[in-house]
């Protein structure tokens, strides 16, 4: 009986030692898995945050980028010529083609086939652009839309242009803008326009501001 008791004791010791070894191995495997998980997950989290910050910075500076690009005469001419080309050689009714080219120049994805304000607005809204109706909040590079031809602010805008700045600080009527209507402004793509009211330029009637779009 004493022999059996001794053998049982030895077996118990061996089992206990084996159990400890297995426990240590399990613990090591567990720690390795945690380490490997952190090795993969942490860089992904950092990358994701950096990407979000990049997008925020990109969007925040988009208006500034548009303003700077349109402050360059060569960029204005490039967008203007491209709009006319896409319209079969005519400058009339190319405001959306002009604006779309400017947006593409600044990294936005707008199909070259987009040629009306209704379709452009759908794309911009889906891409996160916001609407603001107070023109006193305009900043250089914001995208303006007018009323429809009946001066209805709830209708489909008849025109779109890029706001570049007020003619006089604190005066919210005439502003410098960029658009496709150079033929009505002595060949100038960059010119003054009355934001608040209907404006008569020669035989043309210019609809007033309705709202602007921004992406920040």
N, C-alpha and C. Protein backbone atom coordinates (compact mmCIF):
# COMPACT_ATOMS: atom_id res chain seq x y z
N UNK A 1 0.84 -1.20 0.00
CA UNK A 1 0.00 0.00 0.00
C UNK A 1 0.88 1.25 0.00
N UNK A 2 1.99 1.14 0.76
CA UNK A 2 2.88 2.30 0.81
C UNK A 2 3.47 2.57 -0.57
N UNK A 3 3.75 1.49 -1.34
CA UNK A 3 4.29 1.63 -2.70
C UNK A 3 3.31 2.32 -3.61
N UNK A 4 2.05 1.88 -3.49
CA UNK A 4 0.99 2.50 -4.32
C UNK A 4 0.84 3.96 -3.98
N UNK A 5 0.89 4.23 -2.68
CA UNK A 5 0.74 5.62 -2.22
C UNK A 5 1.87 6.48 -2.77
N UNK A 6 3.09 5.91 -2.78
CA UNK A 6 4.25 6.63 -3.30
C UNK A 6 4.11 6.88 -4.79
N UNK A 7 3.64 5.83 -5.52
CA UNK A 7 3.44 5.99 -6.98
C UNK A 7 2.39 7.04 -7.28
N UNK A 8 1.30 6.99 -6.51
CA UNK A 8 0.23 7.99 -6.71
C UNK A 8 0.73 9.40 -6.48
N UNK A 9 1.60 9.52 -5.48
CA UNK A 9 2.17 10.82 -5.15
C UNK A 9 3.04 11.33 -6.30
N UNK A 10 3.84 10.40 -6.87
CA UNK A 10 4.72 10.76 -8.00
C UNK A 10 3.88 11.19 -9.20
N UNK A 11 2.79 10.43 -9.47
CA UNK A 11 1.89 10.75 -10.60
C UNK A 11 1.25 12.12 -10.41
N UNK A 12 0.85 12.37 -9.18
CA UNK A 12 0.23 13.66 -8.90
C UNK A 12 1.22 14.80 -9.13
N UNK A 13 2.47 14.56 -8.69
CA UNK A 13 3.49 15.59 -8.91
C UNK A 13 3.72 15.85 -10.39
N UNK A 14 3.79 14.71 -11.15
CA UNK A 14 4.00 14.84 -12.60
C UNK A 14 2.84 15.58 -13.26
N UNK A 15 1.61 15.19 -12.85
CA UNK A 15 0.42 15.83 -13.42
C UNK A 15 0.40 17.32 -13.09
N UNK A 16 0.79 17.61 -11.86
CA UNK A 16 0.80 19.01 -11.43
C UNK A 16 1.83 19.82 -12.23
N UNK A 17 3.01 19.20 -12.43
CA UNK A 17 4.06 19.87 -13.20
C UNK A 17 3.63 20.05 -14.66
N UNK A 18 2.99 19.00 -15.23
CA UNK A 18 2.50 19.09 -16.61
C UNK A 18 1.43 20.18 -16.73
N UNK A 19 0.58 20.26 -15.72
CA UNK A 19 -0.48 21.27 -15.71
C UNK A 19 0.13 22.67 -15.70
N UNK A 20 1.19 22.84 -14.88
CA UNK A 20 1.85 24.14 -14.81
C UNK A 20 2.51 24.51 -16.13
N UNK A 21 3.15 23.43 -16.75
CA UNK A 21 3.78 23.69 -18.06
C UNK A 21 2.75 24.13 -19.10
N UNK A 22 1.61 23.40 -19.14
CA UNK A 22 0.54 23.72 -20.09
C UNK A 22 0.00 25.12 -19.84
N UNK A 23 -0.12 25.44 -18.56
CA UNK A 23 -0.64 26.76 -18.18
C UNK A 23 0.30 27.86 -18.64
N UNK A 24 1.63 27.59 -18.44
CA UNK A 24 2.61 28.57 -18.89
C UNK A 24 2.58 28.73 -20.41
N UNK A 25 2.43 27.60 -21.12
CA UNK A 25 2.37 27.65 -22.58
C UNK A 25 1.14 28.42 -23.06
N UNK A 26 0.01 28.13 -22.42
CA UNK A 26 -1.24 28.83 -22.77
C UNK A 26 -1.09 30.33 -22.54
N UNK A 27 -0.44 30.65 -21.39
CA UNK A 27 -0.24 32.06 -21.07
C UNK A 27 0.67 32.73 -22.10
N UNK A 28 1.73 32.03 -22.51
CA UNK A 28 2.64 32.57 -23.52
C UNK A 28 1.92 32.79 -24.85
N UNK A 29 1.10 31.77 -25.26
CA UNK A 29 0.35 31.88 -26.51
C UNK A 29 -0.62 33.06 -26.44
N UNK A 30 -1.26 33.19 -25.29
CA UNK A 30 -2.22 34.28 -25.08
C UNK A 30 -1.53 35.63 -25.23
N UNK A 31 -0.36 35.78 -24.57
CA UNK A 31 0.37 37.04 -24.64
C UNK A 31 0.85 37.32 -26.07
N UNK A 32 1.27 36.27 -26.76
CA UNK A 32 1.72 36.44 -28.15
C UNK A 32 0.57 36.90 -29.05
N UNK A 33 -0.62 36.30 -28.83
CA UNK A 33 -1.79 36.69 -29.62
C UNK A 33 -2.17 38.15 -29.36
N UNK A 34 -2.11 38.52 -28.07
CA UNK A 34 -2.42 39.92 -27.72
C UNK A 34 -1.41 40.86 -28.37
N UNK A 35 -0.12 40.47 -28.33
CA UNK A 35 0.93 41.29 -28.92
C UNK A 35 0.74 41.43 -30.42
N UNK A 36 0.45 40.30 -31.09
CA UNK A 36 0.24 40.32 -32.54
C UNK A 36 -0.99 41.14 -32.92
N UNK A 37 -2.03 41.02 -32.11
CA UNK A 37 -3.25 41.80 -32.35
C UNK A 37 -2.97 43.29 -32.26
N UNK A 38 -2.25 43.66 -31.19
CA UNK A 38 -1.89 45.08 -31.02
C UNK A 38 -0.99 45.56 -32.15
N UNK A 39 -0.11 44.65 -32.60
CA UNK A 39 0.82 44.98 -33.68
C UNK A 39 0.08 45.32 -34.97
N UNK A 40 -1.06 44.68 -35.17
CA UNK A 40 -1.86 44.91 -36.38
C UNK A 40 -2.87 46.03 -36.17
N UNK A 41 -3.58 45.99 -35.06
CA UNK A 41 -4.70 46.92 -34.82
C UNK A 41 -4.24 48.35 -34.59
N UNK A 42 -3.22 48.54 -33.77
CA UNK A 42 -2.77 49.89 -33.43
C UNK A 42 -2.37 50.71 -34.67
N UNK A 43 -1.53 50.13 -35.58
CA UNK A 43 -1.20 50.90 -36.80
C UNK A 43 -2.43 51.23 -37.63
N UNK A 44 -3.41 50.30 -37.66
CA UNK A 44 -4.64 50.56 -38.42
C UNK A 44 -5.41 51.73 -37.82
N UNK A 45 -5.48 51.77 -36.49
CA UNK A 45 -6.18 52.87 -35.81
C UNK A 45 -5.48 54.19 -36.11
N UNK A 46 -4.15 54.18 -36.02
CA UNK A 46 -3.37 55.40 -36.29
C UNK A 46 -3.57 55.85 -37.73
N UNK A 47 -3.53 54.88 -38.66
CA UNK A 47 -3.72 55.20 -40.08
C UNK A 47 -5.11 55.78 -40.33
N UNK A 48 -6.11 55.16 -39.70
CA UNK A 48 -7.49 55.63 -39.87
C UNK A 48 -7.66 57.05 -39.36
N UNK A 49 -7.08 57.35 -38.19
CA UNK A 49 -7.18 58.70 -37.63
C UNK A 49 -6.45 59.71 -38.51
N UNK A 50 -5.28 59.32 -39.02
CA UNK A 50 -4.54 60.22 -39.90
C UNK A 50 -5.32 60.50 -41.17
N UNK A 51 -5.98 59.45 -41.70
CA UNK A 51 -6.78 59.60 -42.91
C UNK A 51 -7.95 60.54 -42.67
N UNK A 52 -8.61 60.40 -41.51
CA UNK A 52 -9.73 61.27 -41.16
C UNK A 52 -9.27 62.71 -41.03
N UNK A 53 -8.11 62.89 -40.38
CA UNK A 53 -7.57 64.24 -40.22
C UNK A 53 -7.20 64.84 -41.56
N UNK A 54 -6.65 63.98 -42.46
CA UNK A 54 -6.29 64.46 -43.80
C UNK A 54 -7.53 64.92 -44.55
N UNK A 55 -8.61 64.12 -44.48
CA UNK A 55 -9.85 64.48 -45.17
C UNK A 55 -10.44 65.76 -44.61
N UNK A 56 -10.39 65.91 -43.27
CA UNK A 56 -10.91 67.12 -42.66
C UNK A 56 -10.12 68.33 -43.13
N UNK A 57 -8.78 68.18 -43.14
CA UNK A 57 -7.94 69.29 -43.58
C UNK A 57 -8.19 69.60 -45.05
N UNK A 58 -8.34 68.53 -45.84
CA UNK A 58 -8.58 68.71 -47.27
C UNK A 58 -9.87 69.47 -47.49
N UNK A 59 -10.95 69.02 -46.84
CA UNK A 59 -12.24 69.66 -47.02
C UNK A 59 -12.23 71.09 -46.49
N UNK A 60 -11.55 71.26 -45.35
CA UNK A 60 -11.52 72.59 -44.74
C UNK A 60 -10.83 73.59 -45.66
N UNK A 61 -9.84 73.15 -46.41
CA UNK A 61 -9.07 74.03 -47.26
C UNK A 61 -9.58 74.04 -48.71
N UNK A 62 -10.66 73.33 -49.00
CA UNK A 62 -11.13 73.26 -50.38
C UNK A 62 -11.52 74.63 -50.93
N UNK A 63 -12.29 75.40 -50.14
CA UNK A 63 -12.67 76.73 -50.59
C UNK A 63 -11.46 77.61 -50.85
N UNK A 64 -10.46 77.49 -49.98
CA UNK A 64 -9.23 78.26 -50.15
C UNK A 64 -8.50 77.83 -51.42
N UNK A 65 -8.50 76.52 -51.69
CA UNK A 65 -7.85 76.01 -52.90
C UNK A 65 -8.55 76.53 -54.15
N UNK A 66 -9.89 76.51 -54.13
CA UNK A 66 -10.65 77.01 -55.27
C UNK A 66 -10.36 78.50 -55.49
N UNK A 67 -10.36 79.25 -54.39
CA UNK A 67 -10.08 80.69 -54.48
C UNK A 67 -8.69 80.94 -55.07
N UNK A 68 -7.70 80.23 -54.58
CA UNK A 68 -6.33 80.43 -55.07
C UNK A 68 -6.20 80.03 -56.53
N UNK A 69 -6.87 78.94 -56.91
CA UNK A 69 -6.77 78.50 -58.31
C UNK A 69 -7.42 79.51 -59.25
N UNK A 70 -8.53 80.13 -58.81
CA UNK A 70 -9.21 81.11 -59.65
C UNK A 70 -8.59 82.51 -59.57
N UNK A 71 -7.66 82.69 -58.66
CA UNK A 71 -6.91 83.94 -58.60
C UNK A 71 -5.84 83.96 -59.69
N UNK A 72 -5.59 82.80 -60.27
CA UNK A 72 -4.61 82.65 -61.34
C UNK A 72 -5.33 82.76 -62.70
N UNK A 73 -4.97 83.75 -63.48
CA UNK A 73 -5.64 84.00 -64.77
C UNK A 73 -5.55 82.80 -65.70
N UNK A 74 -4.43 82.11 -65.69
CA UNK A 74 -4.25 80.95 -66.57
C UNK A 74 -5.21 79.82 -66.20
N UNK A 75 -5.44 79.63 -64.91
CA UNK A 75 -6.40 78.61 -64.47
C UNK A 75 -7.82 78.98 -64.87
N UNK A 76 -8.16 80.26 -64.78
CA UNK A 76 -9.49 80.72 -65.19
C UNK A 76 -9.70 80.45 -66.68
N UNK A 77 -8.70 80.80 -67.47
CA UNK A 77 -8.80 80.60 -68.93
C UNK A 77 -8.90 79.11 -69.27
N UNK A 78 -8.14 78.29 -68.54
CA UNK A 78 -8.18 76.84 -68.78
C UNK A 78 -9.57 76.29 -68.54
N UNK A 79 -10.19 76.68 -67.43
CA UNK A 79 -11.54 76.20 -67.11
C UNK A 79 -12.56 76.72 -68.13
N UNK A 80 -12.39 77.97 -68.53
CA UNK A 80 -13.30 78.61 -69.49
C UNK A 80 -13.22 77.92 -70.85
N UNK A 81 -12.03 77.71 -71.34
CA UNK A 81 -11.82 77.06 -72.65
C UNK A 81 -12.34 75.62 -72.62
N UNK A 82 -12.10 74.92 -71.51
CA UNK A 82 -12.58 73.54 -71.37
C UNK A 82 -14.11 73.49 -71.41
N UNK A 83 -14.77 74.44 -70.74
CA UNK A 83 -16.24 74.48 -70.72
C UNK A 83 -16.80 74.70 -72.13
N UNK A 84 -16.18 75.62 -72.87
CA UNK A 84 -16.61 75.90 -74.23
C UNK A 84 -16.41 74.68 -75.12
N UNK A 85 -15.29 74.02 -74.96
CA UNK A 85 -15.00 72.82 -75.75
C UNK A 85 -16.05 71.73 -75.49
N UNK A 86 -16.38 71.52 -74.21
CA UNK A 86 -17.37 70.50 -73.85
C UNK A 86 -18.77 70.86 -74.33
N UNK A 87 -18.98 72.16 -74.61
CA UNK A 87 -20.29 72.62 -75.08
C UNK A 87 -20.33 72.81 -76.60
N UNK A 88 -19.40 72.20 -77.27
CA UNK A 88 -19.40 72.25 -78.73
C UNK A 88 -18.96 73.57 -79.31
N UNK A 89 -18.19 74.36 -78.56
CA UNK A 89 -17.66 75.61 -79.08
C UNK A 89 -18.44 76.85 -78.69
N UNK A 90 -19.46 76.69 -77.86
CA UNK A 90 -20.29 77.84 -77.44
C UNK A 90 -20.11 78.10 -75.94
N UNK A 91 -20.08 79.40 -75.57
CA UNK A 91 -19.90 79.77 -74.18
C UNK A 91 -21.21 79.89 -73.41
N UNK A 92 -22.34 80.03 -74.15
CA UNK A 92 -23.64 80.14 -73.48
C UNK A 92 -24.00 78.85 -72.75
N UNK A 93 -24.64 79.00 -71.61
CA UNK A 93 -25.13 77.85 -70.82
C UNK A 93 -24.00 76.89 -70.44
N UNK A 94 -22.86 77.45 -70.09
CA UNK A 94 -21.73 76.59 -69.68
C UNK A 94 -21.30 76.83 -68.23
N UNK A 95 -22.17 77.45 -67.44
CA UNK A 95 -21.76 77.76 -66.06
C UNK A 95 -21.43 76.50 -65.27
N UNK A 96 -22.22 75.44 -65.46
CA UNK A 96 -21.97 74.19 -64.73
C UNK A 96 -20.72 73.51 -65.28
N UNK A 97 -20.53 73.56 -66.59
CA UNK A 97 -19.32 72.97 -67.18
C UNK A 97 -18.08 73.70 -66.69
N UNK A 98 -18.17 75.02 -66.59
CA UNK A 98 -17.05 75.82 -66.08
C UNK A 98 -16.76 75.47 -64.63
N UNK A 99 -17.79 75.48 -63.80
CA UNK A 99 -17.61 75.18 -62.37
C UNK A 99 -17.10 73.76 -62.16
N UNK A 100 -17.65 72.82 -62.91
CA UNK A 100 -17.22 71.42 -62.77
C UNK A 100 -15.74 71.26 -63.09
N UNK A 101 -15.29 72.00 -64.11
CA UNK A 101 -13.86 71.95 -64.46
C UNK A 101 -13.01 72.52 -63.33
N UNK A 102 -13.48 73.61 -62.71
CA UNK A 102 -12.76 74.19 -61.58
C UNK A 102 -12.69 73.20 -60.42
N UNK A 103 -13.80 72.53 -60.15
CA UNK A 103 -13.83 71.54 -59.06
C UNK A 103 -12.89 70.38 -59.36
N UNK A 104 -12.87 69.94 -60.60
CA UNK A 104 -11.95 68.84 -60.97
C UNK A 104 -10.50 69.29 -60.82
N UNK A 105 -10.22 70.54 -61.16
CA UNK A 105 -8.87 71.08 -61.01
C UNK A 105 -8.42 71.05 -59.55
N UNK A 106 -9.40 71.05 -58.65
CA UNK A 106 -9.09 71.09 -57.21
C UNK A 106 -9.40 69.77 -56.50
N UNK A 107 -9.43 68.68 -57.28
CA UNK A 107 -9.49 67.34 -56.68
C UNK A 107 -10.87 66.73 -56.52
N UNK A 108 -11.94 67.46 -56.90
CA UNK A 108 -13.29 66.90 -56.78
C UNK A 108 -13.62 66.03 -57.98
N UNK A 109 -14.41 64.99 -57.74
CA UNK A 109 -14.76 64.05 -58.81
C UNK A 109 -16.14 64.41 -59.38
N UNK A 110 -16.11 65.14 -60.49
CA UNK A 110 -17.33 65.53 -61.19
C UNK A 110 -17.22 65.05 -62.63
N UNK A 111 -18.20 64.28 -63.07
CA UNK A 111 -18.18 63.75 -64.43
C UNK A 111 -18.27 64.89 -65.44
N UNK A 112 -17.55 64.76 -66.55
CA UNK A 112 -17.55 65.81 -67.58
C UNK A 112 -18.91 65.95 -68.26
N UNK A 113 -19.78 64.96 -68.09
CA UNK A 113 -21.10 65.01 -68.72
C UNK A 113 -22.11 65.83 -67.90
N UNK A 114 -21.75 66.19 -66.67
CA UNK A 114 -22.66 66.98 -65.83
C UNK A 114 -22.74 68.39 -66.40
N UNK A 115 -23.95 68.82 -66.77
CA UNK A 115 -24.07 70.10 -67.47
C UNK A 115 -25.25 70.96 -67.01
N UNK A 116 -25.93 70.57 -65.92
CA UNK A 116 -27.03 71.41 -65.41
C UNK A 116 -26.95 71.50 -63.89
N UNK A 117 -27.52 72.59 -63.35
CA UNK A 117 -27.40 72.85 -61.92
C UNK A 117 -28.10 71.80 -61.07
N UNK A 118 -29.20 71.27 -61.56
CA UNK A 118 -29.95 70.28 -60.79
C UNK A 118 -29.11 69.04 -60.53
N UNK A 119 -28.46 68.54 -61.58
CA UNK A 119 -27.62 67.35 -61.46
C UNK A 119 -26.38 67.65 -60.61
N UNK A 120 -25.79 68.81 -60.81
CA UNK A 120 -24.60 69.19 -60.04
C UNK A 120 -24.92 69.26 -58.55
N UNK A 121 -26.07 69.84 -58.22
CA UNK A 121 -26.46 69.95 -56.81
C UNK A 121 -26.66 68.58 -56.17
N UNK A 122 -27.25 67.66 -56.91
CA UNK A 122 -27.43 66.29 -56.40
C UNK A 122 -26.09 65.67 -56.04
N UNK A 123 -25.11 65.84 -56.92
CA UNK A 123 -23.78 65.28 -56.70
C UNK A 123 -23.11 65.93 -55.49
N UNK A 124 -23.20 67.25 -55.40
CA UNK A 124 -22.55 67.97 -54.30
C UNK A 124 -23.16 67.60 -52.95
N UNK A 125 -24.49 67.51 -52.91
CA UNK A 125 -25.17 67.15 -51.66
C UNK A 125 -24.77 65.74 -51.22
N UNK A 126 -24.70 64.82 -52.18
CA UNK A 126 -24.33 63.44 -51.87
C UNK A 126 -22.88 63.35 -51.40
N UNK A 127 -22.06 64.32 -51.80
CA UNK A 127 -20.64 64.31 -51.44
C UNK A 127 -20.35 65.13 -50.18
N UNK A 128 -21.41 65.58 -49.50
CA UNK A 128 -21.20 66.24 -48.21
C UNK A 128 -21.17 67.75 -48.22
N UNK A 129 -21.46 68.36 -49.36
CA UNK A 129 -21.51 69.82 -49.40
C UNK A 129 -22.74 70.30 -48.62
N UNK A 130 -22.59 71.45 -47.96
CA UNK A 130 -23.66 72.03 -47.15
C UNK A 130 -24.24 73.27 -47.82
N UNK A 131 -25.51 73.56 -47.50
CA UNK A 131 -26.20 74.74 -48.04
C UNK A 131 -26.30 75.83 -46.99
N UNK A 132 -26.03 77.06 -47.42
CA UNK A 132 -26.21 78.23 -46.57
C UNK A 132 -26.90 79.32 -47.39
N UNK A 133 -27.92 79.95 -46.82
CA UNK A 133 -28.70 80.96 -47.56
C UNK A 133 -28.36 82.40 -47.18
N UNK A 134 -27.53 82.59 -46.18
CA UNK A 134 -27.14 83.93 -45.77
C UNK A 134 -25.87 84.34 -46.51
N UNK A 135 -26.01 85.23 -47.51
CA UNK A 135 -24.84 85.58 -48.31
C UNK A 135 -23.80 86.39 -47.53
N UNK A 136 -24.17 86.89 -46.37
CA UNK A 136 -23.20 87.61 -45.55
C UNK A 136 -22.15 86.66 -44.96
N UNK A 137 -22.43 85.36 -45.03
CA UNK A 137 -21.50 84.36 -44.51
C UNK A 137 -20.56 83.81 -45.60
N UNK A 138 -20.67 84.36 -46.79
CA UNK A 138 -19.83 83.89 -47.89
C UNK A 138 -18.35 84.07 -47.61
N UNK A 139 -17.57 83.07 -48.03
CA UNK A 139 -16.12 83.15 -47.95
C UNK A 139 -15.54 82.87 -49.34
N UNK A 140 -14.39 83.45 -49.66
CA UNK A 140 -13.77 83.22 -50.97
C UNK A 140 -13.65 81.73 -51.29
N UNK A 141 -14.11 81.36 -52.48
CA UNK A 141 -14.06 79.96 -52.91
C UNK A 141 -15.38 79.23 -52.74
N UNK A 142 -16.36 79.86 -52.07
CA UNK A 142 -17.69 79.24 -51.93
C UNK A 142 -18.41 79.26 -53.28
N UNK A 143 -19.31 78.30 -53.46
CA UNK A 143 -20.03 78.15 -54.73
C UNK A 143 -21.44 78.70 -54.61
N UNK A 144 -21.76 79.73 -55.38
CA UNK A 144 -23.07 80.38 -55.31
C UNK A 144 -24.03 79.86 -56.38
N UNK A 145 -25.30 79.87 -56.02
CA UNK A 145 -26.38 79.52 -56.95
C UNK A 145 -27.44 80.60 -56.90
N UNK A 146 -27.99 80.93 -58.05
CA UNK A 146 -29.01 81.98 -58.12
C UNK A 146 -30.41 81.39 -58.00
N UNK A 147 -31.41 82.29 -58.06
CA UNK A 147 -32.80 81.84 -58.15
C UNK A 147 -33.02 81.26 -59.55
N UNK A 148 -34.22 80.80 -59.83
CA UNK A 148 -34.54 80.41 -61.20
C UNK A 148 -34.86 81.68 -61.99
N UNK A 149 -35.22 81.55 -63.25
CA UNK A 149 -35.46 82.72 -64.09
C UNK A 149 -36.69 83.51 -63.66
N UNK A 150 -37.56 82.90 -62.86
CA UNK A 150 -38.74 83.59 -62.33
C UNK A 150 -38.47 84.21 -60.96
N UNK A 151 -37.21 84.20 -60.56
CA UNK A 151 -36.74 84.73 -59.27
C UNK A 151 -37.27 83.93 -58.09
N UNK A 152 -37.59 82.69 -58.33
CA UNK A 152 -38.06 81.79 -57.28
C UNK A 152 -36.87 81.12 -56.62
N UNK A 153 -36.68 81.36 -55.33
CA UNK A 153 -35.55 80.78 -54.60
C UNK A 153 -35.70 79.27 -54.39
N UNK A 154 -36.91 78.75 -54.55
CA UNK A 154 -37.14 77.32 -54.37
C UNK A 154 -37.08 76.57 -55.71
N UNK A 155 -36.90 77.32 -56.79
CA UNK A 155 -36.82 76.69 -58.11
C UNK A 155 -35.42 76.17 -58.41
N UNK A 156 -35.22 75.69 -59.62
CA UNK A 156 -33.91 75.20 -60.05
C UNK A 156 -33.04 76.39 -60.42
N UNK A 157 -31.89 76.56 -59.78
CA UNK A 157 -31.03 77.71 -60.06
C UNK A 157 -30.70 77.85 -61.55
N UNK A 158 -30.76 79.09 -62.03
CA UNK A 158 -30.46 79.34 -63.45
C UNK A 158 -28.97 79.54 -63.69
N UNK A 159 -28.21 79.78 -62.61
CA UNK A 159 -26.79 80.09 -62.78
C UNK A 159 -26.00 79.71 -61.53
N UNK A 160 -24.73 79.44 -61.72
CA UNK A 160 -23.82 79.17 -60.60
C UNK A 160 -22.49 79.85 -60.87
N UNK A 161 -21.83 80.30 -59.82
CA UNK A 161 -20.56 81.00 -59.96
C UNK A 161 -19.74 80.86 -58.68
N UNK A 162 -18.49 81.28 -58.75
CA UNK A 162 -17.57 81.18 -57.61
C UNK A 162 -17.40 82.55 -56.97
N UNK A 163 -17.67 82.63 -55.69
CA UNK A 163 -17.49 83.88 -54.93
C UNK A 163 -16.00 84.08 -54.65
N UNK A 164 -15.52 85.32 -54.96
CA UNK A 164 -14.11 85.62 -54.76
C UNK A 164 -13.86 86.69 -53.70
N UNK A 165 -14.90 87.46 -53.36
CA UNK A 165 -14.72 88.49 -52.34
C UNK A 165 -15.62 89.69 -52.60
N UNK A 166 -15.94 90.44 -51.55
CA UNK A 166 -16.79 91.62 -51.68
C UNK A 166 -16.01 92.77 -52.27
N UNK A 167 -16.69 93.61 -53.05
CA UNK A 167 -16.04 94.78 -53.62
C UNK A 167 -15.59 95.73 -52.52
N UNK A 168 -16.48 95.95 -51.54
CA UNK A 168 -16.17 96.80 -50.41
C UNK A 168 -16.44 96.04 -49.12
N UNK A 169 -15.50 96.07 -48.22
CA UNK A 169 -15.67 95.38 -46.93
C UNK A 169 -16.86 95.97 -46.17
N UNK A 170 -17.76 95.09 -45.72
CA UNK A 170 -18.93 95.53 -44.98
C UNK A 170 -20.11 95.90 -45.85
N UNK A 171 -19.92 95.87 -47.17
CA UNK A 171 -21.00 96.18 -48.11
C UNK A 171 -21.37 94.90 -48.85
N UNK A 172 -22.61 94.45 -48.68
CA UNK A 172 -23.01 93.14 -49.21
C UNK A 172 -23.92 93.26 -50.43
N UNK A 173 -23.40 93.91 -51.46
CA UNK A 173 -24.13 93.97 -52.72
C UNK A 173 -23.26 93.45 -53.87
N UNK A 174 -22.28 94.23 -54.28
CA UNK A 174 -21.41 93.80 -55.37
C UNK A 174 -20.23 92.98 -54.85
N UNK A 175 -19.97 91.91 -55.60
CA UNK A 175 -18.86 91.02 -55.23
C UNK A 175 -18.08 90.62 -56.47
N UNK A 176 -16.83 90.29 -56.27
CA UNK A 176 -16.02 89.74 -57.35
C UNK A 176 -16.32 88.24 -57.44
N UNK A 177 -16.57 87.79 -58.66
CA UNK A 177 -16.88 86.38 -58.88
C UNK A 177 -16.13 85.86 -60.10
N UNK A 178 -16.18 84.55 -60.29
CA UNK A 178 -15.68 83.91 -61.51
C UNK A 178 -16.78 83.03 -62.08
N UNK A 179 -17.01 83.15 -63.38
CA UNK A 179 -17.98 82.27 -64.04
C UNK A 179 -17.72 82.23 -65.54
N UNK A 180 -18.66 81.70 -66.28
CA UNK A 180 -18.52 81.52 -67.73
C UNK A 180 -19.00 82.70 -68.55
N UNK A 181 -19.53 83.76 -67.91
CA UNK A 181 -20.22 84.82 -68.64
C UNK A 181 -19.31 85.98 -69.06
N UNK A 182 -18.12 85.65 -69.48
CA UNK A 182 -17.15 86.67 -69.88
C UNK A 182 -17.67 87.55 -71.00
N UNK A 183 -18.48 87.00 -71.89
CA UNK A 183 -18.98 87.77 -73.04
C UNK A 183 -19.85 88.95 -72.59
N UNK A 184 -20.45 88.85 -71.41
CA UNK A 184 -21.29 89.94 -70.88
C UNK A 184 -20.49 90.94 -70.04
N UNK A 185 -19.22 90.62 -69.78
CA UNK A 185 -18.40 91.46 -68.91
C UNK A 185 -17.07 91.82 -69.57
N UNK A 186 -17.16 92.25 -70.82
CA UNK A 186 -15.98 92.71 -71.57
C UNK A 186 -14.86 91.67 -71.61
N UNK A 187 -15.26 90.43 -71.73
CA UNK A 187 -14.30 89.34 -71.86
C UNK A 187 -13.64 88.92 -70.55
N UNK A 188 -14.18 89.39 -69.43
CA UNK A 188 -13.58 89.08 -68.13
C UNK A 188 -14.27 87.89 -67.45
N UNK A 189 -13.49 86.89 -67.13
CA UNK A 189 -14.01 85.73 -66.38
C UNK A 189 -14.14 86.10 -64.92
N UNK A 190 -13.23 86.95 -64.46
CA UNK A 190 -13.22 87.48 -63.09
C UNK A 190 -13.81 88.88 -63.16
N UNK A 191 -14.97 89.09 -62.54
CA UNK A 191 -15.66 90.37 -62.69
C UNK A 191 -16.61 90.63 -61.51
N UNK A 192 -17.21 91.81 -61.50
CA UNK A 192 -18.16 92.17 -60.45
C UNK A 192 -19.57 91.70 -60.82
N UNK A 193 -20.33 91.35 -59.79
CA UNK A 193 -21.73 90.96 -59.98
C UNK A 193 -22.51 91.39 -58.73
N UNK A 194 -23.72 91.85 -58.93
CA UNK A 194 -24.58 92.19 -57.80
C UNK A 194 -25.13 90.89 -57.22
N UNK A 195 -24.80 90.62 -55.98
CA UNK A 195 -25.22 89.38 -55.33
C UNK A 195 -26.68 89.46 -54.88
N UNK A 196 -27.06 90.58 -54.30
CA UNK A 196 -28.34 90.68 -53.60
C UNK A 196 -29.54 90.90 -54.51
N UNK A 197 -29.34 91.63 -55.61
CA UNK A 197 -30.49 92.04 -56.44
C UNK A 197 -30.33 91.63 -57.89
N UNK A 198 -31.45 91.71 -58.63
CA UNK A 198 -31.41 91.50 -60.07
C UNK A 198 -30.51 92.58 -60.67
N UNK A 199 -29.61 92.17 -61.54
CA UNK A 199 -28.65 93.10 -62.13
C UNK A 199 -28.81 93.11 -63.64
N UNK A 200 -28.81 94.29 -64.23
CA UNK A 200 -28.91 94.43 -65.68
C UNK A 200 -27.53 94.70 -66.27
N UNK A 201 -27.08 93.81 -67.13
CA UNK A 201 -25.82 93.97 -67.82
C UNK A 201 -26.12 93.96 -69.31
N UNK A 202 -26.14 95.16 -69.90
CA UNK A 202 -26.53 95.26 -71.31
C UNK A 202 -27.97 94.84 -71.47
N UNK A 203 -28.19 93.86 -72.32
CA UNK A 203 -29.53 93.33 -72.55
C UNK A 203 -29.83 92.12 -71.66
N UNK A 204 -28.84 91.71 -70.90
CA UNK A 204 -29.00 90.52 -70.05
C UNK A 204 -29.46 90.89 -68.65
N UNK A 205 -30.31 90.04 -68.09
CA UNK A 205 -30.78 90.20 -66.72
C UNK A 205 -30.16 89.10 -65.87
N UNK A 206 -29.49 89.48 -64.80
CA UNK A 206 -28.79 88.52 -63.95
C UNK A 206 -29.59 88.25 -62.67
N UNK A 207 -29.99 87.00 -62.49
CA UNK A 207 -30.79 86.64 -61.32
C UNK A 207 -29.99 86.81 -60.03
N UNK A 208 -30.68 87.13 -58.94
CA UNK A 208 -29.99 87.32 -57.65
C UNK A 208 -29.60 86.01 -56.99
N UNK A 209 -28.79 86.14 -55.97
CA UNK A 209 -28.31 85.03 -55.14
C UNK A 209 -29.49 84.30 -54.48
N UNK A 210 -29.38 82.98 -54.39
CA UNK A 210 -30.37 82.18 -53.65
C UNK A 210 -29.71 81.47 -52.47
N UNK A 211 -28.57 80.81 -52.71
CA UNK A 211 -27.84 80.12 -51.63
C UNK A 211 -26.43 79.81 -52.12
N UNK A 212 -25.59 79.39 -51.19
CA UNK A 212 -24.26 78.93 -51.59
C UNK A 212 -23.96 77.59 -50.96
N UNK A 213 -23.01 76.88 -51.57
CA UNK A 213 -22.59 75.57 -51.11
C UNK A 213 -21.15 75.65 -50.63
N UNK A 214 -20.86 74.94 -49.56
CA UNK A 214 -19.50 74.92 -49.04
C UNK A 214 -19.19 73.52 -48.52
N UNK A 215 -17.90 73.21 -48.48
CA UNK A 215 -17.46 71.90 -48.00
C UNK A 215 -16.24 72.12 -47.12
N UNK A 216 -16.46 72.02 -45.78
CA UNK A 216 -15.36 72.29 -44.84
C UNK A 216 -15.25 71.18 -43.82
